[in-house]
C-alpha cells in the first residue's frame, strides 16, 4: 500500500513546493540550484514530498506539483486501506452455550462482542456485553439460559467482507452505534466468520496512517 500521509512540512520543504509549483516540471538539479544547495542535500526532502503525495516525478522530465491538498491526500490514502489489512481474530461461540459461559468467555478473551454460530459454523447471531448485562439482571439461573435466546439475530447483524474499505466499516460502526462487526465469507450454505473489525482496529489504522507506517 502506498503511503500518502499528512505531514508537517519544514521551511525548506515548503520552499521546494513553491519552486515546483512555479517552475514545474523541474529537475532536482535545478531545484538545488535555486536554493544554492547540492542535489544530495535535497534528496531526503524530495523523497518525503514525493512519498507524501505532494510531488510526483517522471524520468527525464523532473518533479511536478500534484495540486492536491492535505485533505485530498488523506482521502486518497483511506481508499487504499482494506478490512483484510487490519482485521483481527474473531471470538466465536456456539449458539447453545449458556449465558454464564458466555460472560466468562468475554472476560477471559477480553472482548466486547461474541459471534454466535450454529453446528455448521455459520453465523447466526451476535452477542454484546449489553446483551449479557441485560440477561443478567434479575435472572438467577444463567447456566440454564442459552445465548441464542438473547442474541441479536440475522438479518439484523451488520457484517463486512475482507475486501471492503476500512473507512466504510468505520461509517457503519458510527451509524449503527456498535463496537465491532464480523468479517464474513459467503459459502453455499451460509456465512462463515473469518475475522472481526473493532473500533480498536480502526484506531490503529488511523494512527499508523498519521505516523506514516
N, C-alpha and C. Protein backbone atom coordinates (compact mmCIF):
# COMPACT_ATOMS: atom_id res chain seq x y z
N UNK A 1 0.84 -1.19 0.00
CA UNK A 1 0.00 0.00 0.00
C UNK A 1 0.88 1.24 0.00
N UNK A 2 0.63 2.14 -0.92
CA UNK A 2 1.40 3.37 -0.99
C UNK A 2 1.00 4.30 0.14
N UNK A 3 1.98 4.81 0.86
CA UNK A 3 1.70 5.69 1.99
C UNK A 3 1.54 7.12 1.51
N UNK A 4 0.35 7.66 1.63
CA UNK A 4 0.08 9.05 1.31
C UNK A 4 -0.40 9.69 2.59
N UNK A 5 0.43 10.50 3.21
CA UNK A 5 0.16 10.93 4.57
C UNK A 5 0.16 12.44 4.69
N UNK A 6 -0.41 12.92 5.74
CA UNK A 6 -0.38 14.33 6.07
C UNK A 6 0.79 14.58 7.00
N UNK A 7 1.71 15.46 6.58
CA UNK A 7 2.89 15.71 7.39
C UNK A 7 3.04 17.21 7.63
N UNK A 8 3.83 17.56 8.63
CA UNK A 8 4.15 18.95 8.90
C UNK A 8 5.44 19.27 8.15
N UNK A 9 5.35 20.15 7.17
CA UNK A 9 6.49 20.43 6.31
C UNK A 9 7.49 21.35 6.97
N UNK A 10 8.76 21.13 6.65
CA UNK A 10 9.80 22.04 7.11
C UNK A 10 9.81 23.27 6.20
N UNK A 11 10.54 24.29 6.61
CA UNK A 11 10.61 25.52 5.81
C UNK A 11 11.21 25.22 4.44
N UNK A 12 12.25 24.37 4.41
CA UNK A 12 12.88 24.05 3.13
C UNK A 12 11.94 23.27 2.23
N UNK A 13 11.17 22.37 2.81
CA UNK A 13 10.21 21.60 2.01
C UNK A 13 9.13 22.51 1.43
N UNK A 14 8.71 23.51 2.21
CA UNK A 14 7.74 24.47 1.69
C UNK A 14 8.33 25.27 0.53
N UNK A 15 9.64 25.62 0.66
CA UNK A 15 10.32 26.35 -0.42
C UNK A 15 10.38 25.49 -1.68
N UNK A 16 10.65 24.20 -1.51
CA UNK A 16 10.71 23.29 -2.65
C UNK A 16 9.35 23.23 -3.35
N UNK A 17 8.28 23.14 -2.56
CA UNK A 17 6.95 23.10 -3.15
C UNK A 17 6.65 24.35 -3.96
N UNK A 18 7.02 25.51 -3.44
CA UNK A 18 6.77 26.76 -4.15
C UNK A 18 7.56 26.82 -5.45
N UNK A 19 8.79 26.33 -5.43
CA UNK A 19 9.61 26.31 -6.65
C UNK A 19 8.99 25.40 -7.70
N UNK A 20 8.53 24.22 -7.26
CA UNK A 20 7.94 23.27 -8.20
C UNK A 20 6.61 23.79 -8.73
N UNK A 21 5.81 24.43 -7.86
CA UNK A 21 4.54 25.00 -8.31
C UNK A 21 4.77 26.02 -9.42
N UNK A 22 5.81 26.85 -9.25
CA UNK A 22 6.07 27.94 -10.18
C UNK A 22 6.79 27.48 -11.44
N UNK A 23 7.70 26.51 -11.31
CA UNK A 23 8.59 26.16 -12.41
C UNK A 23 8.42 24.74 -12.95
N UNK A 24 7.55 23.95 -12.30
CA UNK A 24 7.45 22.55 -12.68
C UNK A 24 6.90 22.32 -14.07
N UNK A 25 7.26 21.21 -14.73
CA UNK A 25 8.20 20.21 -14.19
C UNK A 25 9.63 20.73 -14.18
N UNK A 26 10.33 20.36 -13.11
CA UNK A 26 11.68 20.85 -12.90
C UNK A 26 12.53 19.73 -12.30
N UNK A 27 13.77 19.64 -12.72
CA UNK A 27 14.64 18.57 -12.23
C UNK A 27 15.13 18.87 -10.83
N UNK A 28 15.60 17.83 -10.15
CA UNK A 28 16.16 18.01 -8.81
C UNK A 28 17.37 18.90 -8.82
N UNK A 29 18.18 18.82 -9.90
CA UNK A 29 19.37 19.66 -10.00
C UNK A 29 19.01 21.13 -10.07
N UNK A 30 17.96 21.45 -10.83
CA UNK A 30 17.55 22.85 -10.96
C UNK A 30 16.93 23.38 -9.66
N UNK A 31 16.21 22.50 -8.95
CA UNK A 31 15.68 22.91 -7.65
C UNK A 31 16.82 23.23 -6.70
N UNK A 32 17.84 22.37 -6.69
CA UNK A 32 19.00 22.58 -5.83
C UNK A 32 19.71 23.88 -6.17
N UNK A 33 19.82 24.19 -7.46
CA UNK A 33 20.48 25.43 -7.88
C UNK A 33 19.75 26.65 -7.34
N UNK A 34 18.41 26.61 -7.39
CA UNK A 34 17.63 27.76 -6.93
C UNK A 34 17.76 27.97 -5.42
N UNK A 35 18.07 26.90 -4.70
CA UNK A 35 18.22 27.01 -3.25
C UNK A 35 19.69 27.08 -2.83
N UNK A 36 20.58 27.10 -3.82
CA UNK A 36 22.03 27.13 -3.55
C UNK A 36 22.46 25.96 -2.67
N UNK A 37 21.91 24.79 -2.98
CA UNK A 37 22.24 23.57 -2.25
C UNK A 37 22.64 22.49 -3.25
N UNK A 38 23.18 21.40 -2.73
CA UNK A 38 23.52 20.28 -3.60
C UNK A 38 22.31 19.37 -3.77
N UNK A 39 22.33 18.60 -4.85
CA UNK A 39 21.25 17.65 -5.11
C UNK A 39 21.17 16.62 -4.00
N UNK A 40 22.31 16.19 -3.48
CA UNK A 40 22.33 15.19 -2.40
C UNK A 40 21.68 15.72 -1.14
N UNK A 41 21.84 17.01 -0.87
CA UNK A 41 21.25 17.61 0.32
C UNK A 41 19.72 17.60 0.23
N UNK A 42 19.20 17.80 -0.98
CA UNK A 42 17.75 17.86 -1.16
C UNK A 42 17.09 16.50 -1.30
N UNK A 43 17.90 15.45 -1.54
CA UNK A 43 17.32 14.14 -1.83
C UNK A 43 16.31 13.66 -0.77
N UNK A 44 16.62 13.77 0.54
CA UNK A 44 15.64 13.33 1.56
C UNK A 44 14.34 14.13 1.51
N UNK A 45 14.45 15.45 1.29
CA UNK A 45 13.24 16.28 1.24
C UNK A 45 12.39 15.92 0.03
N UNK A 46 13.02 15.71 -1.10
CA UNK A 46 12.27 15.35 -2.31
C UNK A 46 11.60 13.98 -2.15
N UNK A 47 12.30 13.08 -1.48
CA UNK A 47 11.73 11.75 -1.26
C UNK A 47 10.49 11.83 -0.37
N UNK A 48 10.56 12.63 0.70
CA UNK A 48 9.43 12.80 1.62
C UNK A 48 8.24 13.43 0.90
N UNK A 49 8.49 14.48 0.14
CA UNK A 49 7.41 15.16 -0.56
C UNK A 49 6.77 14.28 -1.63
N UNK A 50 7.58 13.42 -2.24
CA UNK A 50 7.05 12.51 -3.26
C UNK A 50 6.23 11.39 -2.62
N UNK A 51 6.78 10.78 -1.56
CA UNK A 51 6.06 9.69 -0.88
C UNK A 51 4.78 10.19 -0.24
N UNK A 52 4.80 11.45 0.23
CA UNK A 52 3.61 12.02 0.88
C UNK A 52 2.55 12.42 -0.14
N UNK A 53 2.93 12.46 -1.43
CA UNK A 53 1.94 12.76 -2.45
C UNK A 53 1.87 14.20 -2.89
N UNK A 54 2.70 15.09 -2.30
CA UNK A 54 2.69 16.49 -2.70
C UNK A 54 3.31 16.68 -4.08
N UNK A 55 4.34 15.89 -4.36
CA UNK A 55 5.03 15.95 -5.64
C UNK A 55 4.94 14.61 -6.34
N UNK A 56 5.07 14.66 -7.65
CA UNK A 56 5.24 13.44 -8.43
C UNK A 56 6.46 13.65 -9.31
N UNK A 57 7.04 12.56 -9.79
CA UNK A 57 8.26 12.67 -10.60
C UNK A 57 8.17 11.76 -11.80
N UNK A 58 8.73 12.23 -12.91
CA UNK A 58 8.79 11.43 -14.13
C UNK A 58 10.22 11.40 -14.63
N UNK A 59 10.68 10.24 -15.06
CA UNK A 59 12.06 10.12 -15.56
C UNK A 59 12.32 11.08 -16.72
N UNK A 60 13.45 11.74 -16.67
CA UNK A 60 13.91 12.67 -17.72
C UNK A 60 13.01 13.90 -17.88
N UNK A 61 12.05 14.04 -16.99
CA UNK A 61 11.17 15.22 -17.03
C UNK A 61 11.36 16.06 -15.78
N UNK A 62 11.29 15.41 -14.61
CA UNK A 62 11.50 16.12 -13.37
C UNK A 62 10.30 16.04 -12.44
N UNK A 63 10.31 16.92 -11.44
CA UNK A 63 9.26 16.94 -10.44
C UNK A 63 8.16 17.92 -10.84
N UNK A 64 6.91 17.56 -10.48
CA UNK A 64 5.81 18.48 -10.69
C UNK A 64 4.85 18.39 -9.52
N UNK A 65 4.14 19.47 -9.28
CA UNK A 65 3.23 19.57 -8.13
C UNK A 65 1.92 18.87 -8.47
N UNK A 66 1.42 18.03 -7.56
CA UNK A 66 0.18 17.29 -7.81
C UNK A 66 -1.06 18.17 -7.69
N UNK A 67 -0.94 19.30 -6.98
CA UNK A 67 -2.08 20.19 -6.83
C UNK A 67 -3.10 19.73 -5.82
N UNK A 68 -2.74 18.74 -5.00
CA UNK A 68 -3.68 18.17 -4.04
C UNK A 68 -3.45 18.73 -2.65
N UNK A 69 -4.54 18.98 -1.93
CA UNK A 69 -4.45 19.45 -0.56
C UNK A 69 -4.16 18.28 0.37
N UNK A 70 -3.81 18.59 1.60
CA UNK A 70 -3.56 17.55 2.60
C UNK A 70 -4.81 16.68 2.81
N UNK A 71 -5.98 17.32 2.78
CA UNK A 71 -7.23 16.56 2.96
C UNK A 71 -7.45 15.60 1.80
N UNK A 72 -7.17 16.05 0.59
CA UNK A 72 -7.31 15.18 -0.57
C UNK A 72 -6.36 14.00 -0.51
N UNK A 73 -5.12 14.27 -0.07
CA UNK A 73 -4.14 13.20 0.04
C UNK A 73 -4.56 12.18 1.08
N UNK A 74 -5.09 12.66 2.20
CA UNK A 74 -5.56 11.75 3.24
C UNK A 74 -6.72 10.91 2.74
N UNK A 75 -7.64 11.55 2.01
CA UNK A 75 -8.79 10.82 1.47
C UNK A 75 -8.34 9.73 0.50
N UNK A 76 -7.35 10.04 -0.33
CA UNK A 76 -6.83 9.05 -1.27
C UNK A 76 -6.25 7.84 -0.53
N UNK A 77 -5.53 8.13 0.54
CA UNK A 77 -4.91 7.04 1.29
C UNK A 77 -5.96 6.15 1.95
N UNK A 78 -7.04 6.75 2.46
CA UNK A 78 -8.09 5.97 3.10
C UNK A 78 -8.75 5.01 2.11
N UNK A 79 -8.70 5.35 0.83
CA UNK A 79 -9.30 4.50 -0.19
C UNK A 79 -8.41 3.32 -0.56
N UNK A 80 -7.28 3.20 0.12
CA UNK A 80 -6.37 2.08 -0.14
C UNK A 80 -6.16 1.22 1.11
N UNK A 81 -6.99 1.44 2.14
CA UNK A 81 -6.88 0.64 3.37
C UNK A 81 -8.09 -0.27 3.44
N UNK A 82 -7.83 -1.57 3.46
CA UNK A 82 -8.91 -2.54 3.42
C UNK A 82 -9.06 -3.29 4.74
N UNK A 83 -10.22 -3.89 4.90
CA UNK A 83 -10.51 -4.67 6.10
C UNK A 83 -9.44 -5.74 6.32
N UNK A 84 -9.05 -6.43 5.26
CA UNK A 84 -8.10 -7.54 5.38
C UNK A 84 -6.75 -7.10 5.93
N UNK A 85 -6.44 -5.80 5.83
CA UNK A 85 -5.15 -5.30 6.33
C UNK A 85 -5.15 -5.14 7.85
N UNK A 86 -6.32 -5.04 8.48
CA UNK A 86 -6.37 -4.75 9.90
C UNK A 86 -7.31 -5.64 10.70
N UNK A 87 -7.96 -6.59 10.07
CA UNK A 87 -8.89 -7.44 10.82
C UNK A 87 -8.14 -8.28 11.84
N UNK A 88 -8.81 -8.60 12.94
CA UNK A 88 -8.24 -9.45 13.99
C UNK A 88 -9.06 -10.72 14.10
N UNK A 89 -8.59 -11.63 14.93
CA UNK A 89 -9.25 -12.92 15.07
C UNK A 89 -10.59 -12.77 15.79
N UNK A 90 -11.63 -13.43 15.33
CA UNK A 90 -12.93 -13.35 16.00
C UNK A 90 -13.00 -14.33 17.17
N UNK A 91 -13.86 -14.03 18.12
CA UNK A 91 -14.15 -14.97 19.21
C UNK A 91 -15.54 -15.53 18.94
N UNK A 92 -15.58 -16.81 18.60
CA UNK A 92 -16.80 -17.46 18.15
C UNK A 92 -17.29 -18.46 19.19
N UNK A 93 -18.60 -18.47 19.44
CA UNK A 93 -19.19 -19.42 20.39
C UNK A 93 -20.39 -20.10 19.75
N UNK A 94 -20.72 -21.27 20.25
CA UNK A 94 -21.88 -22.00 19.75
C UNK A 94 -23.17 -21.42 20.31
N UNK A 95 -24.23 -21.48 19.52
CA UNK A 95 -25.49 -20.88 19.94
C UNK A 95 -26.12 -21.57 21.15
N UNK A 96 -25.65 -22.76 21.49
CA UNK A 96 -26.18 -23.46 22.67
C UNK A 96 -25.38 -23.19 23.94
N UNK A 97 -24.33 -22.39 23.84
CA UNK A 97 -23.56 -22.04 25.04
C UNK A 97 -24.45 -21.28 26.01
N UNK A 98 -24.22 -21.48 27.29
CA UNK A 98 -25.02 -20.77 28.29
C UNK A 98 -24.57 -19.32 28.41
N UNK A 99 -25.46 -18.49 28.88
CA UNK A 99 -25.12 -17.08 29.09
C UNK A 99 -23.99 -16.95 30.11
N UNK A 100 -24.01 -17.81 31.12
CA UNK A 100 -22.95 -17.78 32.13
C UNK A 100 -21.59 -18.02 31.48
N UNK A 101 -21.49 -19.05 30.66
CA UNK A 101 -20.23 -19.36 30.00
C UNK A 101 -19.82 -18.26 29.02
N UNK A 102 -20.81 -17.62 28.42
CA UNK A 102 -20.51 -16.52 27.50
C UNK A 102 -19.91 -15.34 28.25
N UNK A 103 -20.43 -15.06 29.44
CA UNK A 103 -19.88 -13.97 30.26
C UNK A 103 -18.44 -14.28 30.64
N UNK A 104 -18.19 -15.53 31.02
CA UNK A 104 -16.82 -15.94 31.35
C UNK A 104 -15.90 -15.78 30.14
N UNK A 105 -16.39 -16.15 28.96
CA UNK A 105 -15.60 -16.04 27.74
C UNK A 105 -15.25 -14.59 27.42
N UNK A 106 -16.21 -13.70 27.60
CA UNK A 106 -15.97 -12.28 27.35
C UNK A 106 -14.82 -11.76 28.21
N UNK A 107 -14.81 -12.16 29.48
CA UNK A 107 -13.75 -11.69 30.37
C UNK A 107 -12.41 -12.36 30.08
N UNK A 108 -12.44 -13.65 29.79
CA UNK A 108 -11.19 -14.37 29.52
C UNK A 108 -10.54 -13.91 28.22
N UNK A 109 -11.36 -13.64 27.21
CA UNK A 109 -10.84 -13.22 25.91
C UNK A 109 -10.66 -11.70 25.82
N UNK A 110 -11.18 -10.98 26.80
CA UNK A 110 -11.09 -9.52 26.84
C UNK A 110 -11.65 -8.90 25.55
N UNK A 111 -12.87 -9.26 25.21
CA UNK A 111 -13.54 -8.73 24.02
C UNK A 111 -14.89 -8.15 24.41
N UNK A 112 -15.45 -7.34 23.52
CA UNK A 112 -16.74 -6.75 23.79
C UNK A 112 -17.89 -7.43 23.08
N UNK A 113 -17.54 -8.29 22.11
CA UNK A 113 -18.58 -8.94 21.31
C UNK A 113 -18.20 -10.38 21.00
N UNK A 114 -19.18 -11.26 21.08
CA UNK A 114 -19.00 -12.66 20.69
C UNK A 114 -19.85 -12.92 19.45
N UNK A 115 -19.32 -13.73 18.54
CA UNK A 115 -20.08 -14.09 17.34
C UNK A 115 -20.58 -15.52 17.51
N UNK A 116 -21.89 -15.67 17.30
CA UNK A 116 -22.56 -16.93 17.59
C UNK A 116 -22.77 -17.71 16.28
N UNK A 117 -22.42 -19.00 16.32
CA UNK A 117 -22.57 -19.84 15.13
C UNK A 117 -23.38 -21.09 15.47
N UNK A 118 -23.90 -21.72 14.43
CA UNK A 118 -24.66 -22.96 14.63
C UNK A 118 -23.73 -24.16 14.51
N UNK A 119 -24.29 -25.35 14.46
CA UNK A 119 -23.49 -26.57 14.42
C UNK A 119 -22.67 -26.70 13.14
N UNK A 120 -23.07 -25.96 12.09
CA UNK A 120 -22.33 -25.97 10.84
C UNK A 120 -21.32 -24.82 10.74
N UNK A 121 -21.13 -24.12 11.87
CA UNK A 121 -20.18 -22.98 11.95
C UNK A 121 -20.60 -21.80 11.09
N UNK A 122 -21.89 -21.63 10.89
CA UNK A 122 -22.42 -20.48 10.16
C UNK A 122 -22.92 -19.43 11.14
N UNK A 123 -22.69 -18.18 10.81
CA UNK A 123 -23.08 -17.08 11.67
C UNK A 123 -24.60 -17.03 11.83
N UNK A 124 -25.03 -17.03 13.09
CA UNK A 124 -26.48 -16.92 13.36
C UNK A 124 -26.81 -15.73 14.26
N UNK A 125 -25.81 -15.20 14.96
CA UNK A 125 -26.11 -14.09 15.85
C UNK A 125 -24.86 -13.39 16.38
N UNK A 126 -25.11 -12.29 17.06
CA UNK A 126 -24.05 -11.51 17.70
C UNK A 126 -24.45 -11.26 19.14
N UNK A 127 -23.47 -11.37 20.02
CA UNK A 127 -23.73 -11.22 21.45
C UNK A 127 -22.81 -10.13 22.00
N UNK A 128 -23.41 -9.05 22.47
CA UNK A 128 -22.64 -7.94 23.00
C UNK A 128 -22.64 -7.94 24.53
N UNK A 129 -21.80 -7.13 25.11
CA UNK A 129 -21.79 -7.00 26.57
C UNK A 129 -23.14 -6.49 27.08
N UNK A 130 -23.77 -5.63 26.31
CA UNK A 130 -25.08 -5.12 26.71
C UNK A 130 -26.11 -6.25 26.76
N UNK A 131 -26.04 -7.14 25.77
CA UNK A 131 -26.96 -8.28 25.76
C UNK A 131 -26.77 -9.13 27.01
N UNK A 132 -25.51 -9.37 27.35
CA UNK A 132 -25.21 -10.22 28.51
C UNK A 132 -25.62 -9.53 29.81
N UNK A 133 -25.39 -8.23 29.89
CA UNK A 133 -25.78 -7.49 31.09
C UNK A 133 -27.30 -7.49 31.25
N UNK A 134 -27.99 -7.27 30.15
CA UNK A 134 -29.46 -7.25 30.19
C UNK A 134 -30.01 -8.60 30.65
N UNK A 135 -29.40 -9.68 30.17
CA UNK A 135 -29.86 -11.03 30.55
C UNK A 135 -29.54 -11.33 32.00
N UNK A 136 -28.48 -10.71 32.51
CA UNK A 136 -28.05 -11.00 33.89
C UNK A 136 -28.95 -10.35 34.93
N UNK A 137 -29.56 -9.23 34.56
CA UNK A 137 -30.40 -8.51 35.52
C UNK A 137 -31.66 -9.30 35.84
N UNK A 138 -31.78 -9.72 37.05
CA UNK A 138 -32.97 -10.42 37.51
C UNK A 138 -33.04 -11.88 37.13
N UNK A 139 -32.01 -12.40 36.46
CA UNK A 139 -32.02 -13.80 36.06
C UNK A 139 -30.97 -14.55 36.89
N UNK A 140 -31.43 -15.46 37.74
CA UNK A 140 -30.52 -16.13 38.66
C UNK A 140 -29.90 -17.41 38.08
N UNK A 141 -30.49 -17.95 37.03
CA UNK A 141 -30.01 -19.22 36.50
C UNK A 141 -29.43 -19.01 35.10
N UNK A 142 -28.31 -18.33 35.03
CA UNK A 142 -27.69 -18.03 33.75
C UNK A 142 -27.09 -19.26 33.10
N UNK A 143 -26.81 -20.28 33.88
CA UNK A 143 -26.23 -21.51 33.34
C UNK A 143 -27.23 -22.30 32.50
N UNK A 144 -28.52 -22.06 32.72
CA UNK A 144 -29.55 -22.79 32.00
C UNK A 144 -30.11 -22.00 30.82
N UNK A 145 -29.62 -20.78 30.63
CA UNK A 145 -30.14 -19.91 29.57
C UNK A 145 -29.17 -19.90 28.39
N UNK A 146 -29.54 -20.45 27.22
CA UNK A 146 -28.65 -20.47 26.06
C UNK A 146 -28.56 -19.09 25.41
N UNK A 147 -27.43 -18.82 24.81
CA UNK A 147 -27.21 -17.48 24.25
C UNK A 147 -28.12 -17.19 23.06
N UNK A 148 -28.61 -18.22 22.37
CA UNK A 148 -29.44 -17.94 21.20
C UNK A 148 -30.77 -17.31 21.58
N UNK A 149 -31.11 -17.35 22.86
CA UNK A 149 -32.35 -16.72 23.33
C UNK A 149 -32.19 -15.20 23.38
N UNK A 150 -30.99 -14.72 23.67
CA UNK A 150 -30.80 -13.29 23.92
C UNK A 150 -29.99 -12.58 22.84
N UNK A 151 -29.40 -13.31 21.91
CA UNK A 151 -28.50 -12.70 20.93
C UNK A 151 -29.28 -11.91 19.87
N UNK A 152 -28.57 -11.03 19.19
CA UNK A 152 -29.12 -10.34 18.02
C UNK A 152 -28.99 -11.28 16.83
N UNK A 153 -30.09 -11.49 16.12
CA UNK A 153 -30.11 -12.50 15.06
C UNK A 153 -29.99 -11.89 13.66
N UNK A 154 -29.63 -12.74 12.72
CA UNK A 154 -29.71 -12.38 11.32
C UNK A 154 -31.19 -12.16 10.97
N UNK A 155 -31.57 -11.20 10.13
CA UNK A 155 -30.67 -10.36 9.32
C UNK A 155 -30.32 -9.03 9.97
N UNK A 156 -30.47 -8.92 11.27
CA UNK A 156 -30.20 -7.64 11.95
C UNK A 156 -28.76 -7.51 12.40
N UNK A 157 -27.85 -8.16 11.66
CA UNK A 157 -26.43 -8.12 12.01
C UNK A 157 -25.67 -7.37 10.92
N UNK A 158 -24.87 -6.40 11.31
CA UNK A 158 -24.04 -5.66 10.37
C UNK A 158 -22.74 -6.42 10.16
N UNK A 159 -22.46 -6.75 8.92
CA UNK A 159 -21.26 -7.52 8.58
C UNK A 159 -20.40 -6.75 7.58
N UNK A 160 -19.21 -7.26 7.34
CA UNK A 160 -18.35 -6.72 6.30
C UNK A 160 -17.54 -7.86 5.69
N UNK A 161 -16.88 -7.58 4.58
CA UNK A 161 -16.02 -8.56 3.93
C UNK A 161 -14.60 -8.06 3.88
N UNK A 162 -13.66 -8.95 3.67
CA UNK A 162 -12.24 -8.62 3.78
C UNK A 162 -11.80 -7.56 2.77
N UNK A 163 -12.49 -7.47 1.63
CA UNK A 163 -12.11 -6.51 0.60
C UNK A 163 -12.86 -5.19 0.70
N UNK A 164 -13.64 -5.00 1.76
CA UNK A 164 -14.31 -3.72 1.99
C UNK A 164 -13.30 -2.68 2.46
N UNK A 165 -13.57 -1.42 2.15
CA UNK A 165 -12.72 -0.34 2.64
C UNK A 165 -12.93 -0.16 4.14
N UNK A 166 -11.83 0.04 4.86
CA UNK A 166 -11.92 0.19 6.31
C UNK A 166 -12.74 1.43 6.69
N UNK A 167 -12.63 2.49 5.92
CA UNK A 167 -13.36 3.70 6.24
C UNK A 167 -14.87 3.48 6.12
N UNK A 168 -15.29 2.60 5.19
CA UNK A 168 -16.72 2.29 5.07
C UNK A 168 -17.22 1.52 6.29
N UNK A 169 -16.38 0.65 6.83
CA UNK A 169 -16.75 -0.09 8.05
C UNK A 169 -16.83 0.88 9.23
N UNK A 170 -15.92 1.84 9.28
CA UNK A 170 -15.96 2.84 10.35
C UNK A 170 -17.28 3.60 10.32
N UNK A 171 -17.76 3.91 9.13
CA UNK A 171 -19.05 4.60 8.99
C UNK A 171 -20.19 3.74 9.53
N UNK A 172 -20.11 2.42 9.28
CA UNK A 172 -21.14 1.50 9.78
C UNK A 172 -21.15 1.47 11.30
N UNK A 173 -19.96 1.47 11.91
CA UNK A 173 -19.88 1.45 13.38
C UNK A 173 -20.52 2.69 13.97
N UNK A 174 -20.29 3.83 13.33
CA UNK A 174 -20.87 5.09 13.82
C UNK A 174 -22.38 5.09 13.60
N UNK A 175 -22.79 4.68 12.41
CA UNK A 175 -24.22 4.71 12.07
C UNK A 175 -25.03 3.77 12.97
N UNK A 176 -24.51 2.58 13.21
CA UNK A 176 -25.22 1.58 14.00
C UNK A 176 -24.95 1.69 15.50
N UNK A 177 -23.97 2.51 15.86
CA UNK A 177 -23.57 2.68 17.26
C UNK A 177 -23.19 1.34 17.89
N UNK A 178 -22.29 0.62 17.19
CA UNK A 178 -21.81 -0.67 17.67
C UNK A 178 -20.30 -0.63 17.79
N UNK A 179 -19.75 -1.62 18.50
CA UNK A 179 -18.30 -1.63 18.78
C UNK A 179 -17.50 -2.43 17.77
N UNK A 180 -18.14 -3.36 17.06
CA UNK A 180 -17.40 -4.18 16.12
C UNK A 180 -18.35 -4.82 15.12
N UNK A 181 -17.78 -5.34 14.03
CA UNK A 181 -18.56 -6.09 13.05
C UNK A 181 -17.78 -7.34 12.67
N UNK A 182 -18.47 -8.43 12.38
CA UNK A 182 -17.77 -9.63 11.94
C UNK A 182 -17.36 -9.52 10.47
N UNK A 183 -16.19 -10.06 10.17
CA UNK A 183 -15.76 -10.19 8.78
C UNK A 183 -16.23 -11.56 8.31
N UNK A 184 -17.00 -11.61 7.24
CA UNK A 184 -17.61 -12.87 6.83
C UNK A 184 -17.23 -13.25 5.40
N UNK A 185 -17.35 -14.53 5.14
CA UNK A 185 -17.17 -15.07 3.79
C UNK A 185 -18.41 -15.85 3.43
N UNK A 186 -18.95 -15.58 2.27
CA UNK A 186 -20.16 -16.27 1.83
C UNK A 186 -19.83 -17.68 1.33
N UNK A 187 -20.59 -18.65 1.81
CA UNK A 187 -20.47 -20.02 1.33
C UNK A 187 -21.83 -20.44 0.76
N UNK A 188 -21.90 -21.63 0.21
CA UNK A 188 -23.15 -22.10 -0.38
C UNK A 188 -24.24 -22.30 0.66
N UNK A 189 -23.83 -22.50 1.90
CA UNK A 189 -24.82 -22.82 2.94
C UNK A 189 -25.00 -21.71 3.99
N UNK A 190 -24.16 -20.70 3.96
CA UNK A 190 -24.29 -19.64 4.95
C UNK A 190 -23.07 -18.76 5.03
N UNK A 191 -23.00 -17.93 6.07
CA UNK A 191 -21.89 -17.01 6.26
C UNK A 191 -20.89 -17.59 7.26
N UNK A 192 -19.63 -17.60 6.86
CA UNK A 192 -18.55 -18.08 7.73
C UNK A 192 -17.81 -16.87 8.31
N UNK A 193 -17.61 -16.86 9.62
CA UNK A 193 -16.91 -15.75 10.27
C UNK A 193 -15.41 -15.98 10.14
N UNK A 194 -14.71 -15.04 9.49
CA UNK A 194 -13.28 -15.16 9.29
C UNK A 194 -12.46 -14.13 10.06
N UNK A 195 -13.12 -13.15 10.65
CA UNK A 195 -12.39 -12.11 11.38
C UNK A 195 -13.34 -11.13 12.03
N UNK A 196 -12.78 -10.07 12.53
CA UNK A 196 -13.60 -9.00 13.13
C UNK A 196 -12.89 -7.68 12.95
N UNK A 197 -13.67 -6.62 12.87
CA UNK A 197 -13.14 -5.26 12.86
C UNK A 197 -13.76 -4.52 14.03
N UNK A 198 -12.91 -3.98 14.88
CA UNK A 198 -13.36 -3.26 16.06
C UNK A 198 -12.94 -1.79 15.97
N UNK A 199 -13.43 -1.00 16.89
CA UNK A 199 -13.00 0.40 16.97
C UNK A 199 -11.50 0.49 17.21
N UNK A 200 -10.95 -0.48 17.94
CA UNK A 200 -9.51 -0.50 18.19
C UNK A 200 -8.74 -0.74 16.91
N UNK A 201 -9.22 -1.67 16.06
CA UNK A 201 -8.57 -1.92 14.77
C UNK A 201 -8.53 -0.64 13.93
N UNK A 202 -9.64 0.05 13.90
CA UNK A 202 -9.74 1.27 13.08
C UNK A 202 -8.84 2.37 13.65
N UNK A 203 -8.82 2.50 14.97
CA UNK A 203 -7.94 3.49 15.60
C UNK A 203 -6.48 3.20 15.28
N UNK A 204 -6.10 1.92 15.32
CA UNK A 204 -4.73 1.53 14.99
C UNK A 204 -4.38 1.92 13.56
N UNK A 205 -5.31 1.70 12.64
CA UNK A 205 -5.07 2.04 11.23
C UNK A 205 -4.85 3.54 11.07
N UNK A 206 -5.68 4.35 11.73
CA UNK A 206 -5.57 5.79 11.58
C UNK A 206 -4.29 6.33 12.24
N UNK A 207 -3.89 5.73 13.35
CA UNK A 207 -2.65 6.15 14.00
C UNK A 207 -1.44 5.82 13.11
N UNK A 208 -1.45 4.61 12.50
CA UNK A 208 -0.36 4.24 11.60
C UNK A 208 -0.35 5.13 10.37
N UNK A 209 -1.52 5.52 9.92
CA UNK A 209 -1.61 6.44 8.79
C UNK A 209 -0.98 7.79 9.13
N UNK A 210 -1.28 8.29 10.33
CA UNK A 210 -0.72 9.56 10.75
C UNK A 210 0.79 9.49 10.94
N UNK A 211 1.27 8.30 11.37
CA UNK A 211 2.71 8.13 11.60
C UNK A 211 3.45 7.76 10.33
N UNK A 212 2.69 7.48 9.27
CA UNK A 212 3.32 7.15 8.00
C UNK A 212 3.81 5.72 7.89
N UNK A 213 3.30 4.82 8.73
CA UNK A 213 3.73 3.42 8.68
C UNK A 213 3.07 2.69 7.52
